[in-house]
Amino acid sequence: MQISLKKFGTTLISRPAGKEAFLAFQPTLKEITDNEKIEIDFSGVVVLTPSWADEFITPLTNQYKERIKLVNTENPSVKATLETLEKARQI
């Protein structure tokens, strides 16, 4: 399964917005099979804050662990946020 984050917007900020996006995505997550890989695609995302990412990416990573793959993470905002989460949450 591929999760294209740009469908939630190009500027992903705030904890409430991240939580809302995660909750809205729950029905789609129920379709994932037991061995299916999950690719989180950051293409088209201009701004990603640690608070938004912590509400959306952290729960996915906690639930699906090694099945998560992050792609198109070259944007400086995305890269910095992922580094921050990695240090804070050990993702």
N, C-alpha and C. Protein backbone atom coordinates (compact mmCIF):
# COMPACT_ATOMS: atom_id res chain seq x y z
N MET A 1 0.84 -1.17 0.00
CA MET A 1 0.00 0.00 0.00
C MET A 1 0.89 1.24 0.00
N GLN A 2 0.50 2.22 -0.78
CA GLN A 2 1.21 3.48 -0.79
C GLN A 2 0.32 4.57 -0.18
N ILE A 3 0.90 5.32 0.74
CA ILE A 3 0.21 6.45 1.35
C ILE A 3 0.87 7.71 0.82
N SER A 4 0.16 8.43 -0.01
CA SER A 4 0.65 9.68 -0.57
C SER A 4 0.21 10.82 0.36
N LEU A 5 1.17 11.38 1.09
CA LEU A 5 0.82 12.39 2.08
C LEU A 5 0.31 13.68 1.48
N LYS A 6 0.62 13.94 0.21
CA LYS A 6 0.16 15.20 -0.39
C LYS A 6 -1.36 15.26 -0.50
N LYS A 7 -2.03 14.12 -0.39
CA LYS A 7 -3.49 14.17 -0.43
C LYS A 7 -4.06 14.81 0.84
N PHE A 8 -3.21 14.93 1.87
CA PHE A 8 -3.62 15.63 3.10
C PHE A 8 -3.23 17.10 3.04
N GLY A 9 -2.51 17.48 1.99
CA GLY A 9 -2.09 18.86 1.80
C GLY A 9 -0.59 18.94 1.56
N THR A 10 -0.13 20.10 1.14
CA THR A 10 1.30 20.27 0.91
C THR A 10 2.00 20.88 2.12
N THR A 11 1.23 21.46 3.01
CA THR A 11 1.76 22.03 4.25
C THR A 11 1.12 21.28 5.40
N LEU A 12 1.88 20.36 5.97
CA LEU A 12 1.35 19.48 7.01
C LEU A 12 1.87 19.95 8.36
N ILE A 13 1.01 20.70 9.05
CA ILE A 13 1.41 21.30 10.32
C ILE A 13 0.35 21.04 11.38
N SER A 14 0.72 21.07 12.60
CA SER A 14 -0.10 21.00 13.80
C SER A 14 -0.49 19.58 14.19
N ARG A 15 -0.46 19.38 15.47
CA ARG A 15 -0.85 18.10 16.05
C ARG A 15 -2.31 17.74 15.74
N PRO A 16 -3.25 18.68 15.92
CA PRO A 16 -4.65 18.34 15.62
C PRO A 16 -4.86 17.92 14.16
N ALA A 17 -4.19 18.59 13.24
CA ALA A 17 -4.34 18.24 11.83
C ALA A 17 -3.76 16.85 11.54
N GLY A 18 -2.63 16.53 12.16
CA GLY A 18 -2.03 15.21 11.98
C GLY A 18 -2.90 14.11 12.55
N LYS A 19 -3.47 14.37 13.70
CA LYS A 19 -4.37 13.39 14.33
C LYS A 19 -5.62 13.19 13.49
N GLU A 20 -6.16 14.29 12.98
CA GLU A 20 -7.35 14.21 12.13
C GLU A 20 -7.06 13.40 10.86
N ALA A 21 -5.90 13.64 10.25
CA ALA A 21 -5.52 12.89 9.05
C ALA A 21 -5.38 11.40 9.37
N PHE A 22 -4.76 11.08 10.50
CA PHE A 22 -4.60 9.68 10.88
C PHE A 22 -5.95 9.02 11.12
N LEU A 23 -6.83 9.69 11.81
CA LEU A 23 -8.16 9.12 12.07
C LEU A 23 -8.95 8.95 10.78
N ALA A 24 -8.83 9.91 9.87
CA ALA A 24 -9.52 9.80 8.58
C ALA A 24 -8.99 8.64 7.75
N PHE A 25 -7.74 8.28 7.98
CA PHE A 25 -7.11 7.21 7.20
C PHE A 25 -7.37 5.81 7.77
N GLN A 26 -7.95 5.72 8.94
CA GLN A 26 -8.18 4.44 9.61
C GLN A 26 -8.95 3.42 8.76
N PRO A 27 -10.03 3.80 8.07
CA PRO A 27 -10.73 2.79 7.26
C PRO A 27 -9.84 2.17 6.18
N THR A 28 -8.94 2.95 5.61
CA THR A 28 -8.03 2.43 4.60
C THR A 28 -7.04 1.45 5.21
N LEU A 29 -6.59 1.72 6.42
CA LEU A 29 -5.64 0.83 7.08
C LEU A 29 -6.23 -0.55 7.34
N LYS A 30 -7.53 -0.63 7.48
CA LYS A 30 -8.17 -1.93 7.72
C LYS A 30 -8.06 -2.85 6.51
N GLU A 31 -7.74 -2.29 5.35
CA GLU A 31 -7.61 -3.09 4.13
C GLU A 31 -6.23 -3.72 3.97
N ILE A 32 -5.28 -3.36 4.81
CA ILE A 32 -3.91 -3.86 4.69
C ILE A 32 -3.86 -5.33 5.10
N THR A 33 -3.22 -6.14 4.26
CA THR A 33 -3.05 -7.56 4.58
C THR A 33 -1.90 -7.73 5.57
N ASP A 34 -1.79 -8.91 6.14
CA ASP A 34 -0.81 -9.16 7.20
C ASP A 34 0.64 -8.94 6.80
N ASN A 35 0.99 -9.21 5.56
CA ASN A 35 2.39 -9.09 5.13
C ASN A 35 2.64 -7.92 4.19
N GLU A 36 1.63 -7.12 3.97
CA GLU A 36 1.75 -6.01 3.01
C GLU A 36 2.67 -4.92 3.53
N LYS A 37 3.54 -4.44 2.65
CA LYS A 37 4.43 -3.32 2.97
C LYS A 37 3.65 -2.02 2.84
N ILE A 38 4.06 -1.03 3.62
CA ILE A 38 3.40 0.28 3.58
C ILE A 38 4.45 1.31 3.21
N GLU A 39 4.22 1.97 2.09
CA GLU A 39 5.14 2.99 1.61
C GLU A 39 4.53 4.36 1.84
N ILE A 40 5.22 5.18 2.62
CA ILE A 40 4.76 6.54 2.88
C ILE A 40 5.52 7.47 1.94
N ASP A 41 4.79 8.10 1.04
CA ASP A 41 5.38 8.94 -0.01
C ASP A 41 5.23 10.41 0.35
N PHE A 42 6.38 11.10 0.44
CA PHE A 42 6.40 12.51 0.80
C PHE A 42 6.46 13.44 -0.40
N SER A 43 6.38 12.92 -1.62
CA SER A 43 6.46 13.80 -2.80
C SER A 43 5.30 14.79 -2.78
N GLY A 44 5.62 16.03 -3.11
CA GLY A 44 4.61 17.08 -3.12
C GLY A 44 4.41 17.77 -1.78
N VAL A 45 4.99 17.23 -0.72
CA VAL A 45 4.89 17.87 0.60
C VAL A 45 5.96 18.96 0.67
N VAL A 46 5.52 20.18 0.94
CA VAL A 46 6.44 21.32 1.01
C VAL A 46 6.92 21.52 2.45
N VAL A 47 5.99 21.44 3.41
CA VAL A 47 6.32 21.64 4.82
C VAL A 47 5.74 20.48 5.62
N LEU A 48 6.59 19.89 6.46
CA LEU A 48 6.16 18.83 7.37
C LEU A 48 6.73 19.17 8.74
N THR A 49 5.85 19.32 9.72
CA THR A 49 6.32 19.64 11.07
C THR A 49 6.38 18.38 11.92
N PRO A 50 7.25 18.39 12.93
CA PRO A 50 7.33 17.22 13.82
C PRO A 50 6.00 16.90 14.51
N SER A 51 5.23 17.92 14.84
CA SER A 51 3.96 17.65 15.53
C SER A 51 2.98 16.88 14.62
N TRP A 52 2.85 17.30 13.36
CA TRP A 52 1.96 16.60 12.43
C TRP A 52 2.46 15.17 12.23
N ALA A 53 3.75 15.06 11.95
CA ALA A 53 4.33 13.74 11.68
C ALA A 53 4.21 12.81 12.89
N ASP A 54 4.34 13.37 14.09
CA ASP A 54 4.24 12.54 15.29
C ASP A 54 2.84 11.98 15.45
N GLU A 55 1.85 12.70 15.02
CA GLU A 55 0.46 12.22 15.12
C GLU A 55 0.09 11.25 14.01
N PHE A 56 0.76 11.33 12.86
CA PHE A 56 0.41 10.46 11.73
C PHE A 56 1.42 9.33 11.54
N ILE A 57 2.69 9.66 11.48
CA ILE A 57 3.71 8.65 11.16
C ILE A 57 4.06 7.78 12.35
N THR A 58 4.16 8.37 13.53
CA THR A 58 4.54 7.59 14.71
C THR A 58 3.57 6.44 14.99
N PRO A 59 2.25 6.67 14.98
CA PRO A 59 1.35 5.52 15.23
C PRO A 59 1.46 4.44 14.15
N LEU A 60 1.67 4.86 12.90
CA LEU A 60 1.84 3.87 11.83
C LEU A 60 3.09 3.04 12.07
N THR A 61 4.16 3.73 12.43
CA THR A 61 5.42 3.04 12.68
C THR A 61 5.31 2.11 13.88
N ASN A 62 4.63 2.56 14.91
CA ASN A 62 4.44 1.72 16.10
C ASN A 62 3.63 0.47 15.77
N GLN A 63 2.65 0.61 14.90
CA GLN A 63 1.77 -0.52 14.57
C GLN A 63 2.38 -1.46 13.54
N TYR A 64 3.04 -0.91 12.52
CA TYR A 64 3.50 -1.73 11.40
C TYR A 64 5.02 -1.93 11.35
N LYS A 65 5.76 -1.28 12.22
CA LYS A 65 7.20 -1.42 12.42
C LYS A 65 8.00 -1.55 11.12
N GLU A 66 8.63 -2.69 10.89
CA GLU A 66 9.53 -2.88 9.75
C GLU A 66 8.83 -2.88 8.39
N ARG A 67 7.53 -2.90 8.40
CA ARG A 67 6.79 -2.92 7.12
C ARG A 67 6.70 -1.53 6.50
N ILE A 68 7.10 -0.50 7.24
CA ILE A 68 7.02 0.89 6.77
C ILE A 68 8.26 1.24 5.97
N LYS A 69 8.05 1.88 4.82
CA LYS A 69 9.15 2.40 4.02
C LYS A 69 8.82 3.85 3.68
N LEU A 70 9.77 4.74 3.92
CA LEU A 70 9.58 6.16 3.64
C LEU A 70 10.27 6.49 2.31
N VAL A 71 9.54 7.15 1.39
CA VAL A 71 10.11 7.49 0.09
C VAL A 71 9.93 8.97 -0.20
N ASN A 72 10.79 9.48 -1.08
CA ASN A 72 10.78 10.90 -1.49
C ASN A 72 10.92 11.81 -0.27
N THR A 73 11.96 11.57 0.49
CA THR A 73 12.20 12.30 1.73
C THR A 73 13.29 13.37 1.57
N GLU A 74 13.60 13.77 0.35
CA GLU A 74 14.70 14.69 0.09
C GLU A 74 14.41 16.13 0.50
N ASN A 75 13.16 16.53 0.57
CA ASN A 75 12.80 17.89 0.96
C ASN A 75 13.42 18.20 2.33
N PRO A 76 14.08 19.37 2.47
CA PRO A 76 14.73 19.70 3.75
C PRO A 76 13.78 19.69 4.96
N SER A 77 12.55 20.14 4.77
CA SER A 77 11.58 20.14 5.86
C SER A 77 11.24 18.71 6.28
N VAL A 78 11.02 17.86 5.30
CA VAL A 78 10.70 16.45 5.58
C VAL A 78 11.90 15.78 6.24
N LYS A 79 13.07 16.00 5.68
CA LYS A 79 14.29 15.37 6.21
C LYS A 79 14.53 15.78 7.66
N ALA A 80 14.42 17.06 7.97
CA ALA A 80 14.64 17.55 9.33
C ALA A 80 13.61 16.97 10.30
N THR A 81 12.36 16.92 9.86
CA THR A 81 11.30 16.38 10.72
C THR A 81 11.52 14.90 11.01
N LEU A 82 11.89 14.14 10.00
CA LEU A 82 12.12 12.70 10.20
C LEU A 82 13.31 12.47 11.12
N GLU A 83 14.34 13.30 11.00
CA GLU A 83 15.49 13.19 11.90
C GLU A 83 15.07 13.50 13.34
N THR A 84 14.23 14.50 13.51
CA THR A 84 13.73 14.85 14.84
C THR A 84 12.92 13.70 15.43
N LEU A 85 12.03 13.12 14.64
CA LEU A 85 11.24 11.98 15.13
C LEU A 85 12.12 10.80 15.46
N GLU A 86 13.10 10.56 14.63
CA GLU A 86 13.99 9.43 14.86
C GLU A 86 14.71 9.58 16.21
N LYS A 87 15.17 10.78 16.49
CA LYS A 87 15.84 11.01 17.77
C LYS A 87 14.88 10.90 18.94
N ALA A 88 13.68 11.46 18.77
CA ALA A 88 12.71 11.51 19.86
C ALA A 88 12.02 10.17 20.10
N ARG A 89 11.69 9.49 19.04
CA ARG A 89 10.88 8.27 19.15
C ARG A 89 11.60 6.99 18.76
N GLN A 90 12.81 7.12 18.29
CA GLN A 90 13.59 5.95 17.85
C GLN A 90 12.89 5.21 16.71
N ILE A 91 12.37 5.97 15.73
CA ILE A 91 11.70 5.37 14.56
C ILE A 91 12.76 4.83 13.62
